[in-house]
Amino acid sequence: VAYMAGQLAGSGVGILAQLNSASAATAWGGEMSAAQPNLHQLISGWTEHVYGPNYASLVGLGWNYIPEAWKARKIYLTEWGLAVRESSPGVGLQITYSDQGAANYGWPSNQNYQQAAGAWTQFYNWAKADGRIAQIIYYTGFDSYPVVAGQPGARERNMGMVLEPQLGMALKGALSNAFIAHANANA
């Protein structure tokens, strides 16, 4: 990290370091602190992927185990998303994941767009109110093609804000509208 920071000095490009929320967070924080005590001076912020309805506790896992001085840097939530697709207006399509069981990172796997918009809005409001958060990046703009429920990767293929181009690139109703409204409010 020190080498990269030196190479990028004065370039306007910053380094984000992973804020590890895995079960090894205590070991990670201690090991990084011992190896690079001034890490917080070399980076622009922390990155965290927070999937599922327990996002606040995921951010807290890593945050709780880093030295106080490192907390001067903000967190960039570089991945957030949930799989959602409607079989007809207002009716959530049951998405199963042969490669991940039935998990949608803890979200219901049959949400409709209105329900997904509620989950997004709740998350967005939490992140805006949390003084540690600098930015949110939604997982992906478009669904991936082909999207086949029950096939490997179906969860991630259904996480877009917009249906895949083969389906006309239609917005995902209330979910897309909520995202656009929040993006415009921060423009």
C-alpha atoms as a PDB file:
ATOM      1  CA  VAL A   1       0.000   0.000   0.000  1.00  0.00           C
ATOM      2  CA  ALA A   2       2.822   2.378   0.848  1.00  0.00           C
ATOM      3  CA  TYR A   3       4.430   1.709  -2.537  1.00  0.00           C
ATOM      4  CA  MET A   4       1.154   2.304  -4.413  1.00  0.00           C
ATOM      5  CA  ALA A   5       0.456   5.470  -2.434  1.00  0.00           C
ATOM      6  CA  GLY A   6       3.908   6.762  -3.329  1.00  0.00           C
ATOM      7  CA  GLN A   7       3.399   5.999  -6.998  1.00  0.00           C
ATOM      8  CA  LEU A   8       0.012   7.747  -7.044  1.00  0.00           C
ATOM      9  CA  ALA A   9       1.061  10.780  -4.979  1.00  0.00           C
ATOM     10  CA  GLY A  10      -0.070  13.985  -6.654  1.00  0.00           C
ATOM     11  CA  SER A  11      -2.029  12.147  -9.361  1.00  0.00           C
ATOM     12  CA  GLY A  12      -5.453  12.797  -7.874  1.00  0.00           C
ATOM     13  CA  VAL A  13      -6.071   9.029  -7.745  1.00  0.00           C
ATOM     14  CA  GLY A  14      -6.734   7.587  -4.312  1.00  0.00           C
ATOM     15  CA  ILE A  15      -6.552   4.098  -2.906  1.00  0.00           C
ATOM     16  CA  LEU A  16      -9.482   2.395  -1.192  1.00  0.00           C
ATOM     17  CA  ALA A  17      -8.619  -0.374   1.272  1.00  0.00           C
ATOM     18  CA  GLN A  18     -10.953  -3.285   1.981  1.00  0.00           C
ATOM     19  CA  LEU A  19     -12.744  -2.929   5.299  1.00  0.00           C
ATOM     20  CA  ASN A  20     -12.989  -6.625   5.983  1.00  0.00           C
ATOM     21  CA  SER A  21     -16.354  -7.673   7.399  1.00  0.00           C
ATOM     22  CA  ALA A  22     -15.532 -11.368   7.414  1.00  0.00           C
ATOM     23  CA  SER A  23     -15.356 -13.358  10.613  1.00  0.00           C
ATOM     24  CA  ALA A  24     -11.583 -12.767  10.670  1.00  0.00           C
ATOM     25  CA  ALA A  25     -12.053  -8.993  11.093  1.00  0.00           C
ATOM     26  CA  THR A  26     -10.239  -8.912  14.435  1.00  0.00           C
ATOM     27  CA  ALA A  27      -7.183 -10.666  13.024  1.00  0.00           C
ATOM     28  CA  TRP A  28      -7.247  -8.520   9.870  1.00  0.00           C
ATOM     29  CA  GLY A  29      -7.366  -5.234  11.779  1.00  0.00           C
ATOM     30  CA  GLY A  30      -4.550  -6.251  14.081  1.00  0.00           C
ATOM     31  CA  GLU A  31      -2.364  -7.612  11.284  1.00  0.00           C
ATOM     32  CA  MET A  32      -2.839  -4.535   9.087  1.00  0.00           C
ATOM     33  CA  SER A  33      -2.184  -2.209  12.004  1.00  0.00           C
ATOM     34  CA  ALA A  34       1.048  -4.028  12.840  1.00  0.00           C
ATOM     35  CA  ALA A  35       2.211  -4.141   9.217  1.00  0.00           C
ATOM     36  CA  GLN A  36       1.255  -0.588   8.255  1.00  0.00           C
ATOM     37  CA  PRO A  37       0.456   1.579  11.321  1.00  0.00           C
ATOM     38  CA  ASN A  38      -0.046   4.692   9.165  1.00  0.00           C
ATOM     39  CA  LEU A  39      -2.363   2.993   6.650  1.00  0.00           C
ATOM     40  CA  HIS A  40      -5.026   5.648   7.197  1.00  0.00           C
ATOM     41  CA  GLN A  41      -2.573   8.274   5.922  1.00  0.00           C
ATOM     42  CA  LEU A  42      -1.962   6.343   2.698  1.00  0.00           C
ATOM     43  CA  ILE A  43      -5.536   5.646   1.640  1.00  0.00           C
ATOM     44  CA  SER A  44      -8.506   7.749   0.600  1.00  0.00           C
ATOM     45  CA  GLY A  45     -11.073   5.539   2.299  1.00  0.00           C
ATOM     46  CA  TRP A  46     -12.420   2.083   2.984  1.00  0.00           C
ATOM     47  CA  THR A  47     -14.447  -0.142   0.694  1.00  0.00           C
ATOM     48  CA  GLU A  48     -17.132  -2.545   1.860  1.00  0.00           C
ATOM     49  CA  HIS A  49     -19.604  -4.825   0.080  1.00  0.00           C
ATOM     50  CA  VAL A  50     -22.830  -4.912   2.082  1.00  0.00           C
ATOM     51  CA  TYR A  51     -25.411  -7.345   0.767  1.00  0.00           C
ATOM     52  CA  GLY A  52     -28.572  -8.285   2.591  1.00  0.00           C
ATOM     53  CA  PRO A  53     -30.776  -6.656   5.213  1.00  0.00           C
ATOM     54  CA  ASN A  54     -28.036  -6.811   7.886  1.00  0.00           C
ATOM     55  CA  TYR A  55     -25.881  -4.165   6.139  1.00  0.00           C
ATOM     56  CA  ALA A  56     -25.391  -2.040   9.268  1.00  0.00           C
ATOM     57  CA  SER A  57     -23.887  -4.919  11.212  1.00  0.00           C
ATOM     58  CA  LEU A  58     -21.657  -5.892   8.260  1.00  0.00           C
ATOM     59  CA  VAL A  59     -20.099  -2.428   8.175  1.00  0.00           C
ATOM     60  CA  GLY A  60     -19.759  -2.525  11.941  1.00  0.00           C
ATOM     61  CA  LEU A  61     -17.793  -5.802  11.918  1.00  0.00           C
ATOM     62  CA  GLY A  62     -14.786  -4.346  10.168  1.00  0.00           C
ATOM     63  CA  TRP A  63     -15.143  -0.855  11.630  1.00  0.00           C
ATOM     64  CA  ASN A  64     -15.078  -2.116  15.195  1.00  0.00           C
ATOM     65  CA  TYR A  65     -11.655  -3.729  14.788  1.00  0.00           C
ATOM     66  CA  ILE A  66      -9.578  -0.988  13.195  1.00  0.00           C
ATOM     67  CA  PRO A  67      -7.528   1.544  15.183  1.00  0.00           C
ATOM     68  CA  GLU A  68      -9.330   4.796  16.072  1.00  0.00           C
ATOM     69  CA  ALA A  69      -6.992   6.903  13.921  1.00  0.00           C
ATOM     70  CA  TRP A  70      -8.023   4.900  10.853  1.00  0.00           C
ATOM     71  CA  LYS A  71     -11.659   5.882  11.370  1.00  0.00           C
ATOM     72  CA  ALA A  72     -10.883   9.364  10.030  1.00  0.00           C
ATOM     73  CA  ARG A  73     -11.388   7.852   6.544  1.00  0.00           C
ATOM     74  CA  LYS A  74     -14.889   7.369   5.147  1.00  0.00           C
ATOM     75  CA  ILE A  75     -16.423   4.127   3.887  1.00  0.00           C
ATOM     76  CA  TYR A  76     -17.344   3.617   0.232  1.00  0.00           C
ATOM     77  CA  LEU A  77     -20.079   1.013  -0.083  1.00  0.00           C
ATOM     78  CA  THR A  78     -18.869  -0.338  -3.413  1.00  0.00           C
ATOM     79  CA  GLU A  79     -21.469  -3.045  -3.859  1.00  0.00           C
ATOM     80  CA  TRP A  80     -25.108  -3.160  -2.822  1.00  0.00           C
ATOM     81  CA  GLY A  81     -27.877  -4.996  -4.568  1.00  0.00           C
ATOM     82  CA  LEU A  82     -30.625  -7.554  -4.402  1.00  0.00           C
ATOM     83  CA  ALA A  83     -32.005  -9.933  -6.992  1.00  0.00           C
ATOM     84  CA  VAL A  84     -35.485  -8.995  -8.176  1.00  0.00           C
ATOM     85  CA  ARG A  85     -37.616  -9.737 -11.229  1.00  0.00           C
ATOM     86  CA  GLU A  86     -41.375  -9.580 -11.758  1.00  0.00           C
ATOM     87  CA  SER A  87     -43.238 -12.321 -13.617  1.00  0.00           C
ATOM     88  CA  SER A  88     -46.061  -9.825 -14.184  1.00  0.00           C
ATOM     89  CA  PRO A  89     -46.656  -6.285 -12.852  1.00  0.00           C
ATOM     90  CA  GLY A  90     -46.551  -6.350  -9.059  1.00  0.00           C
ATOM     91  CA  VAL A  91     -45.836 -10.087  -8.846  1.00  0.00           C
ATOM     92  CA  GLY A  92     -42.325 -11.046  -7.797  1.00  0.00           C
ATOM     93  CA  LEU A  93     -40.761 -13.917  -9.712  1.00  0.00           C
ATOM     94  CA  GLN A  94     -39.409 -16.622  -7.399  1.00  0.00           C
ATOM     95  CA  ILE A  95     -35.704 -16.696  -8.184  1.00  0.00           C
ATOM     96  CA  THR A  96     -33.851 -19.814  -7.107  1.00  0.00           C
ATOM     97  CA  TYR A  97     -30.126 -20.196  -7.181  1.00  0.00           C
ATOM     98  CA  SER A  98     -28.773 -23.626  -7.947  1.00  0.00           C
ATOM     99  CA  ASP A  99     -25.279 -22.443  -7.086  1.00  0.00           C
ATOM    100  CA  GLN A 100     -26.166 -20.600  -3.860  1.00  0.00           C
ATOM    101  CA  GLY A 101     -29.143 -22.441  -2.432  1.00  0.00           C
ATOM    102  CA  ALA A 102     -32.222 -20.234  -2.023  1.00  0.00           C
ATOM    103  CA  ALA A 103     -30.336 -17.272  -0.562  1.00  0.00           C
ATOM    104  CA  ASN A 104     -30.776 -13.725  -1.834  1.00  0.00           C
ATOM    105  CA  TYR A 105     -28.304 -12.435   0.739  1.00  0.00           C
ATOM    106  CA  GLY A 106     -31.123 -12.619   3.273  1.00  0.00           C
ATOM    107  CA  TRP A 107     -33.707 -10.715   1.210  1.00  0.00           C
ATOM    108  CA  PRO A 108     -36.893 -12.563   0.141  1.00  0.00           C
ATOM    109  CA  SER A 109     -36.254 -14.225  -3.217  1.00  0.00           C
ATOM    110  CA  ASN A 110     -39.690 -13.345  -4.606  1.00  0.00           C
ATOM    111  CA  GLN A 111     -39.876  -9.572  -4.024  1.00  0.00           C
ATOM    112  CA  ASN A 112     -41.655  -7.368  -6.490  1.00  0.00           C
ATOM    113  CA  TYR A 113     -40.198  -4.026  -7.576  1.00  0.00           C
ATOM    114  CA  GLN A 114     -42.180  -2.063  -4.990  1.00  0.00           C
ATOM    115  CA  GLN A 115     -40.848  -4.232  -2.164  1.00  0.00           C
ATOM    116  CA  ALA A 116     -37.311  -3.970  -3.531  1.00  0.00           C
ATOM    117  CA  ALA A 117     -37.717  -0.171  -3.700  1.00  0.00           C
ATOM    118  CA  GLY A 118     -38.614  -0.213  -0.008  1.00  0.00           C
ATOM    119  CA  ALA A 119     -35.472  -2.220   0.798  1.00  0.00           C
ATOM    120  CA  TRP A 120     -33.318   0.138  -1.315  1.00  0.00           C
ATOM    121  CA  THR A 121     -34.859   3.255   0.273  1.00  0.00           C
ATOM    122  CA  GLN A 122     -34.358   1.907   3.793  1.00  0.00           C
ATOM    123  CA  PHE A 123     -30.717   1.134   2.998  1.00  0.00           C
ATOM    124  CA  TYR A 124     -30.184   4.509   1.294  1.00  0.00           C
ATOM    125  CA  ASN A 125     -31.646   6.427   4.240  1.00  0.00           C
ATOM    126  CA  TRP A 126     -29.479   4.466   6.677  1.00  0.00           C
ATOM    127  CA  ALA A 127     -26.319   5.175   4.639  1.00  0.00           C
ATOM    128  CA  LYS A 128     -27.132   8.892   4.323  1.00  0.00           C
ATOM    129  CA  ALA A 129     -27.639   9.167   8.084  1.00  0.00           C
ATOM    130  CA  ASP A 130     -24.505   7.185   8.964  1.00  0.00           C
ATOM    131  CA  GLY A 131     -21.629   9.652   9.198  1.00  0.00           C
ATOM    132  CA  ARG A 132     -19.091   7.008   8.158  1.00  0.00           C
ATOM    133  CA  ILE A 133     -20.470   6.518   4.644  1.00  0.00           C
ATOM    134  CA  ALA A 134     -19.000   8.552   1.766  1.00  0.00           C
ATOM    135  CA  GLN A 135     -20.636   6.914  -1.257  1.00  0.00           C
ATOM    136  CA  ILE A 136     -22.889   4.061  -2.389  1.00  0.00           C
ATOM    137  CA  ILE A 137     -22.300   2.162  -5.610  1.00  0.00           C
ATOM    138  CA  TYR A 138     -25.131  -0.085  -6.780  1.00  0.00           C
ATOM    139  CA  TYR A 139     -23.898  -3.553  -7.826  1.00  0.00           C
ATOM    140  CA  THR A 140     -24.812  -3.330 -11.519  1.00  0.00           C
ATOM    141  CA  GLY A 141     -26.866  -1.142 -13.799  1.00  0.00           C
ATOM    142  CA  PHE A 142     -28.269  -3.886 -16.018  1.00  0.00           C
ATOM    143  CA  ASP A 143     -29.408  -7.438 -15.554  1.00  0.00           C
ATOM    144  CA  SER A 144     -27.143  -9.921 -17.321  1.00  0.00           C
ATOM    145  CA  TYR A 145     -28.387 -12.044 -20.188  1.00  0.00           C
ATOM    146  CA  PRO A 146     -29.467 -14.795 -20.206  1.00  0.00           C
ATOM    147  CA  VAL A 147     -31.349 -14.615 -16.919  1.00  0.00           C
ATOM    148  CA  VAL A 148     -32.613 -18.078 -16.129  1.00  0.00           C
ATOM    149  CA  ALA A 149     -34.010 -18.785 -12.687  1.00  0.00           C
ATOM    150  CA  GLY A 150     -32.435 -21.861 -11.152  1.00  0.00           C
ATOM    151  CA  GLN A 151     -29.278 -21.611 -13.245  1.00  0.00           C
ATOM    152  CA  PRO A 152     -25.826 -20.872 -11.784  1.00  0.00           C
ATOM    153  CA  GLY A 153     -25.384 -17.143 -11.275  1.00  0.00           C
ATOM    154  CA  ALA A 154     -29.123 -16.352 -11.476  1.00  0.00           C
ATOM    155  CA  ARG A 155     -28.937 -14.201  -8.359  1.00  0.00           C
ATOM    156  CA  GLU A 156     -26.306 -11.818  -9.730  1.00  0.00           C
ATOM    157  CA  ARG A 157     -27.908 -11.812 -13.183  1.00  0.00           C
ATOM    158  CA  ASN A 158     -31.099 -10.367 -11.664  1.00  0.00           C
ATOM    159  CA  MET A 159     -29.470  -7.577  -9.641  1.00  0.00           C
ATOM    160  CA  GLY A 160     -29.583  -4.840 -12.261  1.00  0.00           C
ATOM    161  CA  MET A 161     -31.485  -1.595 -11.959  1.00  0.00           C
ATOM    162  CA  VAL A 162     -32.663  -2.083 -15.561  1.00  0.00           C
ATOM    163  CA  LEU A 163     -33.791  -5.236 -17.375  1.00  0.00           C
ATOM    164  CA  GLU A 164     -31.227  -6.627 -19.794  1.00  0.00           C
ATOM    165  CA  PRO A 165     -31.037  -5.095 -23.297  1.00  0.00           C
ATOM    166  CA  GLN A 166     -32.623  -8.211 -24.856  1.00  0.00           C
ATOM    167  CA  LEU A 167     -35.810  -7.316 -22.961  1.00  0.00           C
ATOM    168  CA  GLY A 168     -35.840  -3.709 -24.125  1.00  0.00           C
ATOM    169  CA  MET A 169     -33.826  -2.176 -21.282  1.00  0.00           C
ATOM    170  CA  ALA A 170     -36.988  -1.402 -19.326  1.00  0.00           C
ATOM    171  CA  LEU A 171     -36.737   0.118 -15.868  1.00  0.00           C
ATOM    172  CA  LYS A 172     -37.662  -2.071 -12.921  1.00  0.00           C
ATOM    173  CA  GLY A 173     -40.614   0.077 -11.880  1.00  0.00           C
ATOM    174  CA  ALA A 174     -40.578   1.455  -8.346  1.00  0.00           C
ATOM    175  CA  LEU A 175     -37.047   0.141  -7.692  1.00  0.00           C
ATOM    176  CA  SER A 176     -35.529   2.056 -10.611  1.00  0.00           C
ATOM    177  CA  ASN A 177     -37.629   5.134  -9.832  1.00  0.00           C
ATOM    178  CA  ALA A 178     -36.469   5.206  -6.201  1.00  0.00           C
ATOM    179  CA  PHE A 179     -32.844   4.833  -7.260  1.00  0.00           C
ATOM    180  CA  ILE A 180     -33.167   7.631  -9.845  1.00  0.00           C
ATOM    181  CA  ALA A 181     -34.862   9.954  -7.340  1.00  0.00           C
ATOM    182  CA  HIS A 182     -32.063   9.384  -4.808  1.00  0.00           C
ATOM    183  CA  ALA A 183     -29.367   9.857  -7.468  1.00  0.00           C
ATOM    184  CA  ASN A 184     -30.960  13.120  -8.634  1.00  0.00           C
ATOM    185  CA  ALA A 185     -31.205  14.378  -5.056  1.00  0.00           C
ATOM    186  CA  ASN A 186     -27.434  13.994  -4.760  1.00  0.00           C
ATOM    187  CA  ALA A 187     -26.479  15.369  -8.177  1.00  0.00           C
END
